[in-house]
Amino acid sequence: MNGEGRISVRKDWPAWVLLVFMFGLAFYLWPTSPERMAVHWNVQGEVDRYGSKFEGLFLVPLITLGIYLAMIVAPLLDPGRANYRLFKKSYTTVRLAIITLMAAVYVVAQMAQASPEKNIIGLVPVLIGVLFIIFGNLMGKIRPNWFVGIRTPWTLTSKQSWNKTHRFGGIGMMIIGLIMLPLGYLKFSWTLWLLIGMIFGWLILLLVYSYLAWRKDPDRISPAGSLPADDEE
């Protein structure tokens, strides 16, 4: 990151390689792919929607490219852009981890196209588990901003709540990720519902924890306009 809010993308070359790989694979598979392709799977790991060849091959690469560009632009729009320099290495790792996950999911989806009789799509929750472990390890390093991290009304108005919630949340993310890793042999529906349940419970716990940490912060601030000034009736 060069200066306030500016990001150096020179170290993003692994992400560029993955993006090129995804689009290259799409072009490579285009001549031999059917006109109608599976584009969505239900909780049983079964195809429940088909789409065009363009959607089946290029939708995920285009979404991944959009996510990457959004993460590059976000710090430029963030009023707290100066803080990004404090966690620039972690932010670079976050970008790469997300692009890597999307590339892995894309490969799994194409493998599922080629071998529909195998439950290859069941690997997706395991991949998400790996992402949670990486994110959990980085959470405590993220500094206050408007786009990245655990943003509740209380973490955004208390530095103490932000720091404590991110450390606490990071531990929770790593635990969820570790639980997901050995579950790849289970039916996709079990692992997916377990993942959804753990994430939902984790989010509720984070809301409560961030509020309690905010209450204990003597330097917390109230959202603008939420409390009258002392001289107002």
C-alpha atoms as a PDB file:
ATOM      1  CA  MET A   1       0.000   0.000   0.000  1.00  0.00           C
ATOM      2  CA  ASN A   2       1.515   3.262  -1.108  1.00  0.00           C
ATOM      3  CA  GLY A   3       0.261   6.274   0.823  1.00  0.00           C
ATOM      4  CA  GLU A   4      -3.222   6.695   2.170  1.00  0.00           C
ATOM      5  CA  GLY A   5      -5.613   4.100   0.767  1.00  0.00           C
ATOM      6  CA  ARG A   6      -3.419   3.116  -2.171  1.00  0.00           C
ATOM      7  CA  ILE A   7      -2.743  -0.569  -2.657  1.00  0.00           C
ATOM      8  CA  SER A   8       0.272  -2.102  -4.349  1.00  0.00           C
ATOM      9  CA  VAL A   9      -0.891  -5.103  -6.350  1.00  0.00           C
ATOM     10  CA  ARG A  10       2.581  -6.276  -7.351  1.00  0.00           C
ATOM     11  CA  LYS A  11       2.436  -9.039  -4.742  1.00  0.00           C
ATOM     12  CA  ASP A  12      -0.915 -10.169  -6.139  1.00  0.00           C
ATOM     13  CA  TRP A  13       0.710 -12.107  -8.970  1.00  0.00           C
ATOM     14  CA  PRO A  14      -0.511 -15.481  -7.576  1.00  0.00           C
ATOM     15  CA  ALA A  15      -4.077 -14.147  -7.766  1.00  0.00           C
ATOM     16  CA  TRP A  16      -3.472 -13.023 -11.362  1.00  0.00           C
ATOM     17  CA  VAL A  17      -2.155 -16.488 -12.221  1.00  0.00           C
ATOM     18  CA  LEU A  18      -5.290 -18.087 -10.771  1.00  0.00           C
ATOM     19  CA  LEU A  19      -7.565 -15.691 -12.657  1.00  0.00           C
ATOM     20  CA  VAL A  20      -5.746 -16.413 -15.923  1.00  0.00           C
ATOM     21  CA  PHE A  21      -5.953 -20.138 -15.155  1.00  0.00           C
ATOM     22  CA  MET A  22      -9.730 -19.962 -14.609  1.00  0.00           C
ATOM     23  CA  PHE A  23     -10.397 -18.088 -17.850  1.00  0.00           C
ATOM     24  CA  GLY A  24      -7.890 -20.289 -19.698  1.00  0.00           C
ATOM     25  CA  LEU A  25      -9.646 -23.429 -18.456  1.00  0.00           C
ATOM     26  CA  ALA A  26     -12.999 -21.998 -19.552  1.00  0.00           C
ATOM     27  CA  PHE A  27     -11.713 -21.383 -23.092  1.00  0.00           C
ATOM     28  CA  TYR A  28     -10.041 -24.809 -23.158  1.00  0.00           C
ATOM     29  CA  LEU A  29     -13.250 -26.606 -22.144  1.00  0.00           C
ATOM     30  CA  TRP A  30     -15.517 -24.580 -24.428  1.00  0.00           C
ATOM     31  CA  PRO A  31     -15.240 -26.756 -27.596  1.00  0.00           C
ATOM     32  CA  THR A  32     -15.999 -30.026 -25.770  1.00  0.00           C
ATOM     33  CA  SER A  33     -18.598 -28.804 -23.261  1.00  0.00           C
ATOM     34  CA  PRO A  34     -22.322 -29.402 -23.827  1.00  0.00           C
ATOM     35  CA  GLU A  35     -24.651 -26.485 -24.567  1.00  0.00           C
ATOM     36  CA  ARG A  36     -26.532 -27.217 -21.333  1.00  0.00           C
ATOM     37  CA  MET A  37     -24.416 -27.425 -18.178  1.00  0.00           C
ATOM     38  CA  ALA A  38     -25.032 -27.891 -14.454  1.00  0.00           C
ATOM     39  CA  VAL A  39     -24.675 -24.554 -12.659  1.00  0.00           C
ATOM     40  CA  HIS A  40     -26.135 -25.237  -9.202  1.00  0.00           C
ATOM     41  CA  TRP A  41     -26.268 -28.127  -6.735  1.00  0.00           C
ATOM     42  CA  ASN A  42     -28.695 -28.634  -3.823  1.00  0.00           C
ATOM     43  CA  VAL A  43     -27.855 -29.679  -0.256  1.00  0.00           C
ATOM     44  CA  GLN A  44     -27.877 -33.326  -1.356  1.00  0.00           C
ATOM     45  CA  GLY A  45     -25.067 -32.593  -3.801  1.00  0.00           C
ATOM     46  CA  GLU A  46     -27.464 -33.111  -6.722  1.00  0.00           C
ATOM     47  CA  VAL A  47     -27.825 -30.798  -9.699  1.00  0.00           C
ATOM     48  CA  ASP A  48     -30.963 -28.680  -9.350  1.00  0.00           C
ATOM     49  CA  ARG A  49     -30.377 -26.118 -12.103  1.00  0.00           C
ATOM     50  CA  TYR A  50     -28.860 -26.112 -15.560  1.00  0.00           C
ATOM     51  CA  GLY A  51     -27.696 -23.146 -17.574  1.00  0.00           C
ATOM     52  CA  SER A  52     -26.016 -22.216 -20.812  1.00  0.00           C
ATOM     53  CA  LYS A  53     -22.462 -23.187 -21.679  1.00  0.00           C
ATOM     54  CA  PHE A  54     -21.369 -19.589 -21.166  1.00  0.00           C
ATOM     55  CA  GLU A  55     -22.848 -19.550 -17.659  1.00  0.00           C
ATOM     56  CA  GLY A  56     -21.366 -22.931 -16.790  1.00  0.00           C
ATOM     57  CA  LEU A  57     -17.861 -21.985 -17.911  1.00  0.00           C
ATOM     58  CA  PHE A  58     -17.528 -18.232 -17.438  1.00  0.00           C
ATOM     59  CA  LEU A  59     -19.856 -17.183 -14.605  1.00  0.00           C
ATOM     60  CA  VAL A  60     -17.530 -18.171 -11.738  1.00  0.00           C
ATOM     61  CA  PRO A  61     -14.390 -16.682 -13.369  1.00  0.00           C
ATOM     62  CA  LEU A  62     -16.259 -13.409 -14.004  1.00  0.00           C
ATOM     63  CA  ILE A  63     -17.578 -13.295 -10.428  1.00  0.00           C
ATOM     64  CA  THR A  64     -14.067 -13.986  -9.132  1.00  0.00           C
ATOM     65  CA  LEU A  65     -12.636 -11.175 -11.242  1.00  0.00           C
ATOM     66  CA  GLY A  66     -15.356  -8.856  -9.928  1.00  0.00           C
ATOM     67  CA  ILE A  67     -14.563  -9.779  -6.320  1.00  0.00           C
ATOM     68  CA  TYR A  68     -10.869  -9.128  -6.874  1.00  0.00           C
ATOM     69  CA  LEU A  69     -11.460  -5.722  -8.476  1.00  0.00           C
ATOM     70  CA  ALA A  70     -13.909  -4.767  -5.714  1.00  0.00           C
ATOM     71  CA  MET A  71     -11.295  -5.590  -3.073  1.00  0.00           C
ATOM     72  CA  ILE A  72      -8.761  -3.409  -4.890  1.00  0.00           C
ATOM     73  CA  VAL A  73     -11.159  -0.470  -5.164  1.00  0.00           C
ATOM     74  CA  ALA A  74     -12.722  -0.738  -1.675  1.00  0.00           C
ATOM     75  CA  PRO A  75      -9.840   0.907   0.258  1.00  0.00           C
ATOM     76  CA  LEU A  76      -9.964   3.890  -2.100  1.00  0.00           C
ATOM     77  CA  LEU A  77     -13.608   4.481  -1.139  1.00  0.00           C
ATOM     78  CA  ASP A  78     -13.242   3.743   2.567  1.00  0.00           C
ATOM     79  CA  PRO A  79     -13.276   6.773   4.923  1.00  0.00           C
ATOM     80  CA  GLY A  80     -10.933   4.714   7.120  1.00  0.00           C
ATOM     81  CA  ARG A  81      -8.534   4.079   4.247  1.00  0.00           C
ATOM     82  CA  ALA A  82      -5.477   5.136   6.254  1.00  0.00           C
ATOM     83  CA  ASN A  83      -5.811   2.054   8.458  1.00  0.00           C
ATOM     84  CA  TYR A  84      -5.288  -0.343   5.550  1.00  0.00           C
ATOM     85  CA  ARG A  85      -1.535   0.272   5.698  1.00  0.00           C
ATOM     86  CA  LEU A  86      -1.612  -1.280   9.191  1.00  0.00           C
ATOM     87  CA  PHE A  87      -2.832  -4.641   7.885  1.00  0.00           C
ATOM     88  CA  LYS A  88      -1.738  -4.553   4.232  1.00  0.00           C
ATOM     89  CA  LYS A  89      -0.075  -8.001   4.366  1.00  0.00           C
ATOM     90  CA  SER A  90      -3.189  -9.548   5.894  1.00  0.00           C
ATOM     91  CA  TYR A  91      -5.398  -7.855   3.298  1.00  0.00           C
ATOM     92  CA  THR A  92      -3.209  -9.239   0.507  1.00  0.00           C
ATOM     93  CA  THR A  93      -3.539 -12.719   2.036  1.00  0.00           C
ATOM     94  CA  VAL A  94      -7.319 -12.320   2.290  1.00  0.00           C
ATOM     95  CA  ARG A  95      -7.536 -11.435  -1.411  1.00  0.00           C
ATOM     96  CA  LEU A  96      -5.402 -14.398  -2.400  1.00  0.00           C
ATOM     97  CA  ALA A  97      -7.332 -16.792  -0.138  1.00  0.00           C
ATOM     98  CA  ILE A  98     -10.676 -15.762  -1.643  1.00  0.00           C
ATOM     99  CA  ILE A  99      -9.401 -16.053  -5.222  1.00  0.00           C
ATOM    100  CA  THR A 100      -7.864 -19.449  -4.408  1.00  0.00           C
ATOM    101  CA  LEU A 101     -11.151 -20.687  -2.929  1.00  0.00           C
ATOM    102  CA  MET A 102     -13.100 -19.522  -5.971  1.00  0.00           C
ATOM    103  CA  ALA A 103     -10.598 -21.208  -8.303  1.00  0.00           C
ATOM    104  CA  ALA A 104     -10.810 -24.444  -6.304  1.00  0.00           C
ATOM    105  CA  VAL A 105     -14.623 -24.366  -6.323  1.00  0.00           C
ATOM    106  CA  TYR A 106     -14.535 -23.754 -10.071  1.00  0.00           C
ATOM    107  CA  VAL A 107     -12.283 -26.763 -10.637  1.00  0.00           C
ATOM    108  CA  VAL A 108     -14.496 -28.925  -8.407  1.00  0.00           C
ATOM    109  CA  ALA A 109     -17.566 -27.815 -10.374  1.00  0.00           C
ATOM    110  CA  GLN A 110     -15.926 -28.718 -13.679  1.00  0.00           C
ATOM    111  CA  MET A 111     -14.864 -32.090 -12.272  1.00  0.00           C
ATOM    112  CA  ALA A 112     -18.455 -32.651 -11.181  1.00  0.00           C
ATOM    113  CA  GLN A 113     -19.553 -31.901 -14.749  1.00  0.00           C
ATOM    114  CA  ALA A 114     -17.191 -34.574 -16.057  1.00  0.00           C
ATOM    115  CA  SER A 115     -18.024 -37.170 -13.359  1.00  0.00           C
ATOM    116  CA  PRO A 116     -21.628 -36.552 -12.240  1.00  0.00           C
ATOM    117  CA  GLU A 117     -21.791 -40.008 -10.637  1.00  0.00           C
ATOM    118  CA  LYS A 118     -19.213 -38.998  -8.027  1.00  0.00           C
ATOM    119  CA  ASN A 119     -19.972 -36.701  -5.082  1.00  0.00           C
ATOM    120  CA  ILE A 120     -17.084 -34.382  -5.911  1.00  0.00           C
ATOM    121  CA  ILE A 121     -19.144 -31.322  -5.010  1.00  0.00           C
ATOM    122  CA  GLY A 122     -19.007 -32.536  -1.388  1.00  0.00           C
ATOM    123  CA  LEU A 123     -15.467 -31.139  -1.238  1.00  0.00           C
ATOM    124  CA  VAL A 124     -16.827 -27.579  -1.205  1.00  0.00           C
ATOM    125  CA  PRO A 125     -17.512 -27.429   2.586  1.00  0.00           C
ATOM    126  CA  VAL A 126     -13.958 -28.707   3.191  1.00  0.00           C
ATOM    127  CA  LEU A 127     -12.568 -25.916   1.009  1.00  0.00           C
ATOM    128  CA  ILE A 128     -14.647 -23.417   2.968  1.00  0.00           C
ATOM    129  CA  GLY A 129     -13.208 -24.900   6.164  1.00  0.00           C
ATOM    130  CA  VAL A 130      -9.681 -24.177   4.928  1.00  0.00           C
ATOM    131  CA  LEU A 131     -10.720 -20.601   4.132  1.00  0.00           C
ATOM    132  CA  PHE A 132     -12.133 -20.185   7.649  1.00  0.00           C
ATOM    133  CA  ILE A 133      -8.845 -21.320   9.178  1.00  0.00           C
ATOM    134  CA  ILE A 134      -6.910 -18.782   7.094  1.00  0.00           C
ATOM    135  CA  PHE A 135      -9.350 -15.973   7.864  1.00  0.00           C
ATOM    136  CA  GLY A 136      -9.419 -16.864  11.544  1.00  0.00           C
ATOM    137  CA  ASN A 137      -5.664 -16.585  11.750  1.00  0.00           C
ATOM    138  CA  LEU A 138      -5.800 -13.099  10.178  1.00  0.00           C
ATOM    139  CA  MET A 139      -8.795 -11.640  12.010  1.00  0.00           C
ATOM    140  CA  GLY A 140      -6.849 -10.226  14.948  1.00  0.00           C
ATOM    141  CA  LYS A 141      -4.616  -8.257  12.562  1.00  0.00           C
ATOM    142  CA  ILE A 142      -7.395  -6.366  10.776  1.00  0.00           C
ATOM    143  CA  ARG A 143      -7.760  -2.744  11.868  1.00  0.00           C
ATOM    144  CA  PRO A 144     -10.970  -0.678  11.877  1.00  0.00           C
ATOM    145  CA  ASN A 145     -12.402   0.037   8.425  1.00  0.00           C
ATOM    146  CA  TRP A 146     -15.761   0.035   6.685  1.00  0.00           C
ATOM    147  CA  PHE A 147     -15.401  -2.937   4.322  1.00  0.00           C
ATOM    148  CA  VAL A 148     -13.249  -5.726   5.778  1.00  0.00           C
ATOM    149  CA  GLY A 149     -13.795  -7.621   9.016  1.00  0.00           C
ATOM    150  CA  ILE A 150     -16.578  -7.996  11.582  1.00  0.00           C
ATOM    151  CA  ARG A 151     -18.657  -4.836  11.274  1.00  0.00           C
ATOM    152  CA  THR A 152     -21.403  -4.397  13.842  1.00  0.00           C
ATOM    153  CA  PRO A 153     -22.772  -1.115  15.255  1.00  0.00           C
ATOM    154  CA  TRP A 154     -20.518  -1.692  18.259  1.00  0.00           C
ATOM    155  CA  THR A 155     -17.246  -2.643  16.577  1.00  0.00           C
ATOM    156  CA  LEU A 156     -17.591   0.420  14.340  1.00  0.00           C
ATOM    157  CA  THR A 157     -17.989   2.757  17.315  1.00  0.00           C
ATOM    158  CA  SER A 158     -15.415   1.271  19.680  1.00  0.00           C
ATOM    159  CA  LYS A 159     -11.805   0.409  18.936  1.00  0.00           C
ATOM    160  CA  GLN A 160     -11.769  -1.854  21.979  1.00  0.00           C
ATOM    161  CA  SER A 161     -14.847  -3.723  20.764  1.00  0.00           C
ATOM    162  CA  TRP A 162     -13.325  -4.024  17.271  1.00  0.00           C
ATOM    163  CA  ASN A 163     -10.051  -5.500  18.541  1.00  0.00           C
ATOM    164  CA  LYS A 164     -11.584  -7.871  21.087  1.00  0.00           C
ATOM    165  CA  THR A 165     -14.340  -9.052  18.740  1.00  0.00           C
ATOM    166  CA  HIS A 166     -11.888  -9.781  15.950  1.00  0.00           C
ATOM    167  CA  ARG A 167      -9.593 -11.774  18.221  1.00  0.00           C
ATOM    168  CA  PHE A 168     -12.559 -13.684  19.628  1.00  0.00           C
ATOM    169  CA  GLY A 169     -14.109 -14.138  16.193  1.00  0.00           C
ATOM    170  CA  GLY A 170     -10.839 -15.356  14.714  1.00  0.00           C
ATOM    171  CA  ILE A 171     -10.649 -18.172  17.256  1.00  0.00           C
ATOM    172  CA  GLY A 172     -14.213 -19.147  16.401  1.00  0.00           C
ATOM    173  CA  MET A 173     -13.483 -19.175  12.670  1.00  0.00           C
ATOM    174  CA  MET A 174     -10.479 -21.446  13.128  1.00  0.00           C
ATOM    175  CA  ILE A 175     -12.521 -23.842  15.274  1.00  0.00           C
ATOM    176  CA  ILE A 176     -15.273 -23.994  12.633  1.00  0.00           C
ATOM    177  CA  GLY A 177     -12.674 -24.564   9.922  1.00  0.00           C
ATOM    178  CA  LEU A 178     -10.968 -27.367  11.839  1.00  0.00           C
ATOM    179  CA  ILE A 179     -14.324 -29.070  12.454  1.00  0.00           C
ATOM    180  CA  MET A 180     -15.126 -28.943   8.738  1.00  0.00           C
ATOM    181  CA  LEU A 181     -11.855 -30.516   7.536  1.00  0.00           C
ATOM    182  CA  PRO A 182     -12.474 -34.142   8.536  1.00  0.00           C
ATOM    183  CA  LEU A 183     -16.122 -34.088   7.433  1.00  0.00           C
ATOM    184  CA  GLY A 184     -15.500 -34.473   3.706  1.00  0.00           C
ATOM    185  CA  TYR A 185     -16.479 -38.148   3.851  1.00  0.00           C
ATOM    186  CA  LEU A 186     -19.983 -37.333   5.111  1.00  0.00           C
ATOM    187  CA  LYS A 187     -22.940 -36.675   2.859  1.00  0.00           C
ATOM    188  CA  PHE A 188     -22.865 -33.188   1.377  1.00  0.00           C
ATOM    189  CA  SER A 189     -26.211 -32.323   2.989  1.00  0.00           C
ATOM    190  CA  TRP A 190     -24.852 -33.075   6.495  1.00  0.00           C
ATOM    191  CA  THR A 191     -21.693 -31.024   6.070  1.00  0.00           C
ATOM    192  CA  LEU A 192     -23.536 -28.110   4.466  1.00  0.00           C
ATOM    193  CA  TRP A 193     -26.214 -27.891   7.161  1.00  0.00           C
ATOM    194  CA  LEU A 194     -23.585 -28.280   9.867  1.00  0.00           C
ATOM    195  CA  LEU A 195     -21.587 -25.435   8.321  1.00  0.00           C
ATOM    196  CA  ILE A 196     -24.674 -23.204   8.088  1.00  0.00           C
ATOM    197  CA  GLY A 197     -25.606 -23.966  11.708  1.00  0.00           C
ATOM    198  CA  MET A 198     -22.117 -23.242  13.025  1.00  0.00           C
ATOM    199  CA  ILE A 199     -21.835 -19.989  11.080  1.00  0.00           C
ATOM    200  CA  PHE A 200     -25.264 -18.808  12.256  1.00  0.00           C
ATOM    201  CA  GLY A 201     -24.434 -19.568  15.894  1.00  0.00           C
ATOM    202  CA  TRP A 202     -21.031 -17.917  15.529  1.00  0.00           C
ATOM    203  CA  LEU A 203     -22.613 -14.740  14.102  1.00  0.00           C
ATOM    204  CA  ILE A 204     -25.114 -14.487  16.970  1.00  0.00           C
ATOM    205  CA  LEU A 205     -22.317 -14.972  19.494  1.00  0.00           C
ATOM    206  CA  LEU A 206     -20.238 -12.271  17.796  1.00  0.00           C
ATOM    207  CA  LEU A 207     -23.107  -9.782  17.958  1.00  0.00           C
ATOM    208  CA  VAL A 208     -23.520 -10.346  21.689  1.00  0.00           C
ATOM    209  CA  TYR A 209     -19.774 -10.294  22.351  1.00  0.00           C
ATOM    210  CA  SER A 210     -19.189  -7.092  20.370  1.00  0.00           C
ATOM    211  CA  TYR A 211     -21.986  -5.354  22.289  1.00  0.00           C
ATOM    212  CA  LEU A 212     -20.618  -6.436  25.681  1.00  0.00           C
ATOM    213  CA  ALA A 213     -17.107  -5.296  24.697  1.00  0.00           C
ATOM    214  CA  TRP A 214     -18.573  -1.956  23.565  1.00  0.00           C
ATOM    215  CA  ARG A 215     -20.376  -1.493  26.876  1.00  0.00           C
ATOM    216  CA  LYS A 216     -17.094  -1.895  28.763  1.00  0.00           C
ATOM    217  CA  ASP A 217     -15.230   0.647  26.627  1.00  0.00           C
ATOM    218  CA  PRO A 218     -15.125   4.082  28.335  1.00  0.00           C
ATOM    219  CA  ASP A 219     -14.038   5.649  25.050  1.00  0.00           C
ATOM    220  CA  ARG A 220     -16.901   4.248  22.971  1.00  0.00           C
ATOM    221  CA  ILE A 221     -18.857   6.642  20.810  1.00  0.00           C
ATOM    222  CA  SER A 222     -22.560   6.626  20.020  1.00  0.00           C
ATOM    223  CA  PRO A 223     -23.797   6.646  16.413  1.00  0.00           C
ATOM    224  CA  ALA A 224     -24.490  10.167  15.186  1.00  0.00           C
ATOM    225  CA  GLY A 225     -27.872  11.450  16.260  1.00  0.00           C
ATOM    226  CA  SER A 226     -28.684   8.502  18.513  1.00  0.00           C
ATOM    227  CA  LEU A 227     -28.308  10.419  21.778  1.00  0.00           C
ATOM    228  CA  PRO A 228     -29.157  14.047  22.499  1.00  0.00           C
ATOM    229  CA  ALA A 229     -26.442  16.424  23.629  1.00  0.00           C
ATOM    230  CA  ASP A 230     -26.353  17.411  27.274  1.00  0.00           C
ATOM    231  CA  ASP A 231     -27.816  20.833  26.524  1.00  0.00           C
ATOM    232  CA  GLU A 232     -30.701  19.464  24.481  1.00  0.00           C
ATOM    233  CA  GLU A 233     -34.107  18.731  25.904  1.00  0.00           C
END
